[in-house]
Amino acid sequence: EVDAAIKLAMETNDRPVVIDFIVGRDAMVWPMVPAGVSNDAVQYARDAAPIWDGEE
């Protein structure tokens, strides 16, 4: 089911696509944005965030 949804989304090029995945409450799904902060605070692993262009 997941593979088919991703395949269809990747093949769709005439409109935006959103896939709604249901995961367990305690699942550590990456990347994530911690609660209460802006999307600029995205983390790709525990305590690790990407370095954006222009940041040192």
N, C-alpha and C. Protein backbone atom coordinates (compact mmCIF):
# COMPACT_ATOMS: atom_id res chain seq x y z
N GLU A 1 0.82 -1.18 0.00
CA GLU A 1 0.00 0.00 0.00
C GLU A 1 0.87 1.26 0.00
N VAL A 2 1.92 1.28 0.81
CA VAL A 2 2.80 2.44 0.88
C VAL A 2 3.55 2.62 -0.44
N ASP A 3 4.12 1.54 -0.95
CA ASP A 3 4.88 1.63 -2.20
C ASP A 3 4.01 2.13 -3.35
N ALA A 4 2.78 1.64 -3.43
CA ALA A 4 1.87 2.08 -4.49
C ALA A 4 1.54 3.57 -4.36
N ALA A 5 1.33 4.03 -3.14
CA ALA A 5 1.01 5.45 -2.92
C ALA A 5 2.19 6.34 -3.31
N ILE A 6 3.40 5.93 -2.95
CA ILE A 6 4.59 6.71 -3.30
C ILE A 6 4.79 6.71 -4.81
N LYS A 7 4.61 5.56 -5.44
CA LYS A 7 4.76 5.46 -6.90
C LYS A 7 3.78 6.40 -7.60
N LEU A 8 2.52 6.37 -7.18
CA LEU A 8 1.51 7.25 -7.78
C LEU A 8 1.87 8.72 -7.57
N ALA A 9 2.32 9.07 -6.38
CA ALA A 9 2.70 10.45 -6.09
C ALA A 9 3.87 10.89 -6.97
N MET A 10 4.85 10.02 -7.14
CA MET A 10 6.02 10.36 -7.96
C MET A 10 5.65 10.50 -9.44
N GLU A 11 4.63 9.79 -9.88
CA GLU A 11 4.19 9.86 -11.28
C GLU A 11 3.27 11.04 -11.55
N THR A 12 2.74 11.65 -10.52
CA THR A 12 1.81 12.77 -10.67
C THR A 12 2.60 14.06 -10.83
N ASN A 13 2.45 14.71 -11.97
CA ASN A 13 3.22 15.93 -12.21
C ASN A 13 2.36 17.11 -12.64
N ASP A 14 1.04 16.97 -12.51
CA ASP A 14 0.16 18.06 -12.92
C ASP A 14 -0.53 18.75 -11.74
N ARG A 15 -0.19 18.33 -10.52
CA ARG A 15 -0.81 18.93 -9.33
C ARG A 15 -0.01 18.52 -8.09
N PRO A 16 -0.15 19.27 -7.01
CA PRO A 16 0.52 18.89 -5.76
C PRO A 16 -0.06 17.57 -5.23
N VAL A 17 0.75 16.84 -4.50
CA VAL A 17 0.33 15.56 -3.94
C VAL A 17 0.67 15.54 -2.45
N VAL A 18 -0.26 15.07 -1.64
CA VAL A 18 -0.03 14.87 -0.21
C VAL A 18 -0.34 13.41 0.09
N ILE A 19 0.56 12.76 0.80
CA ILE A 19 0.32 11.39 1.24
C ILE A 19 0.20 11.43 2.76
N ASP A 20 -0.88 10.93 3.28
CA ASP A 20 -1.12 10.92 4.73
C ASP A 20 -0.77 9.53 5.26
N PHE A 21 0.36 9.45 5.98
CA PHE A 21 0.78 8.19 6.58
C PHE A 21 0.36 8.15 8.04
N ILE A 22 -0.21 7.06 8.45
CA ILE A 22 -0.56 6.87 9.85
C ILE A 22 0.54 6.04 10.49
N VAL A 23 1.16 6.60 11.52
CA VAL A 23 2.26 5.91 12.22
C VAL A 23 1.93 5.85 13.70
N GLY A 24 2.62 5.00 14.40
CA GLY A 24 2.42 4.89 15.84
C GLY A 24 2.78 6.18 16.56
N ARG A 25 2.10 6.44 17.65
CA ARG A 25 2.30 7.68 18.42
C ARG A 25 3.76 7.87 18.82
N ASP A 26 4.46 6.81 19.15
CA ASP A 26 5.84 6.92 19.61
C ASP A 26 6.86 6.68 18.51
N ALA A 27 6.42 6.56 17.28
CA ALA A 27 7.35 6.32 16.17
C ALA A 27 8.25 7.54 15.98
N MET A 28 9.51 7.28 15.79
CA MET A 28 10.47 8.36 15.54
C MET A 28 10.62 8.48 14.02
N VAL A 29 9.82 9.34 13.43
CA VAL A 29 9.80 9.50 11.98
C VAL A 29 10.61 10.74 11.62
N TRP A 30 11.60 10.57 10.78
CA TRP A 30 12.49 11.67 10.39
C TRP A 30 12.28 12.00 8.93
N PRO A 31 12.42 13.24 8.49
CA PRO A 31 12.70 14.41 9.32
C PRO A 31 11.45 14.84 10.09
N MET A 32 11.68 15.60 11.13
CA MET A 32 10.56 16.09 11.93
C MET A 32 10.84 17.51 12.41
N VAL A 33 9.77 18.20 12.75
CA VAL A 33 9.86 19.53 13.33
C VAL A 33 9.30 19.42 14.74
N PRO A 34 10.11 19.75 15.76
CA PRO A 34 9.62 19.65 17.14
C PRO A 34 8.40 20.55 17.36
N ALA A 35 7.56 20.17 18.29
CA ALA A 35 6.36 20.94 18.60
C ALA A 35 6.73 22.34 19.09
N GLY A 36 5.98 23.32 18.65
CA GLY A 36 6.12 24.68 19.15
C GLY A 36 7.22 25.51 18.51
N VAL A 37 7.87 25.01 17.46
CA VAL A 37 8.92 25.80 16.80
C VAL A 37 8.59 25.93 15.32
N SER A 38 9.32 26.80 14.64
CA SER A 38 9.08 27.03 13.21
C SER A 38 9.63 25.87 12.38
N ASN A 39 9.19 25.78 11.14
CA ASN A 39 9.69 24.74 10.24
C ASN A 39 11.18 24.89 9.95
N ASP A 40 11.75 26.05 10.28
CA ASP A 40 13.20 26.24 10.12
C ASP A 40 13.99 25.38 11.09
N ALA A 41 13.33 24.83 12.11
CA ALA A 41 14.00 24.02 13.13
C ALA A 41 13.91 22.52 12.82
N VAL A 42 13.72 22.17 11.54
CA VAL A 42 13.61 20.76 11.15
C VAL A 42 14.84 19.98 11.60
N GLN A 43 14.62 18.76 12.04
CA GLN A 43 15.71 17.86 12.43
C GLN A 43 15.65 16.64 11.54
N TYR A 44 16.82 16.13 11.11
CA TYR A 44 16.82 14.93 10.29
C TYR A 44 17.24 13.70 11.07
N ALA A 45 17.66 13.88 12.30
CA ALA A 45 17.97 12.80 13.24
C ALA A 45 17.97 13.44 14.63
N ARG A 46 17.94 12.63 15.67
CA ARG A 46 17.89 13.18 17.02
C ARG A 46 19.04 14.17 17.25
N ASP A 47 18.70 15.38 17.64
CA ASP A 47 19.66 16.45 17.93
C ASP A 47 20.54 16.82 16.74
N ALA A 48 20.07 16.56 15.51
CA ALA A 48 20.84 16.92 14.32
C ALA A 48 19.93 17.67 13.35
N ALA A 49 20.40 18.81 12.91
CA ALA A 49 19.63 19.62 11.97
C ALA A 49 20.51 19.93 10.76
N PRO A 50 19.91 20.14 9.60
CA PRO A 50 20.71 20.47 8.41
C PRO A 50 21.32 21.86 8.54
N ILE A 51 22.41 22.06 7.84
CA ILE A 51 23.02 23.39 7.75
C ILE A 51 22.51 24.01 6.47
N TRP A 52 21.78 25.11 6.59
CA TRP A 52 21.20 25.77 5.43
C TRP A 52 22.23 26.65 4.76
N ASP A 53 22.03 26.95 3.49
CA ASP A 53 22.91 27.87 2.77
C ASP A 53 23.02 29.17 3.54
N GLY A 54 24.22 29.68 3.68
CA GLY A 54 24.44 30.93 4.38
C GLY A 54 24.68 30.78 5.86
N GLU A 55 24.52 29.59 6.42
CA GLU A 55 24.78 29.36 7.84
C GLU A 55 26.17 28.76 8.00
N GLU A 56 26.79 29.07 9.08
CA GLU A 56 28.12 28.52 9.37
C GLU A 56 28.06 27.70 10.63
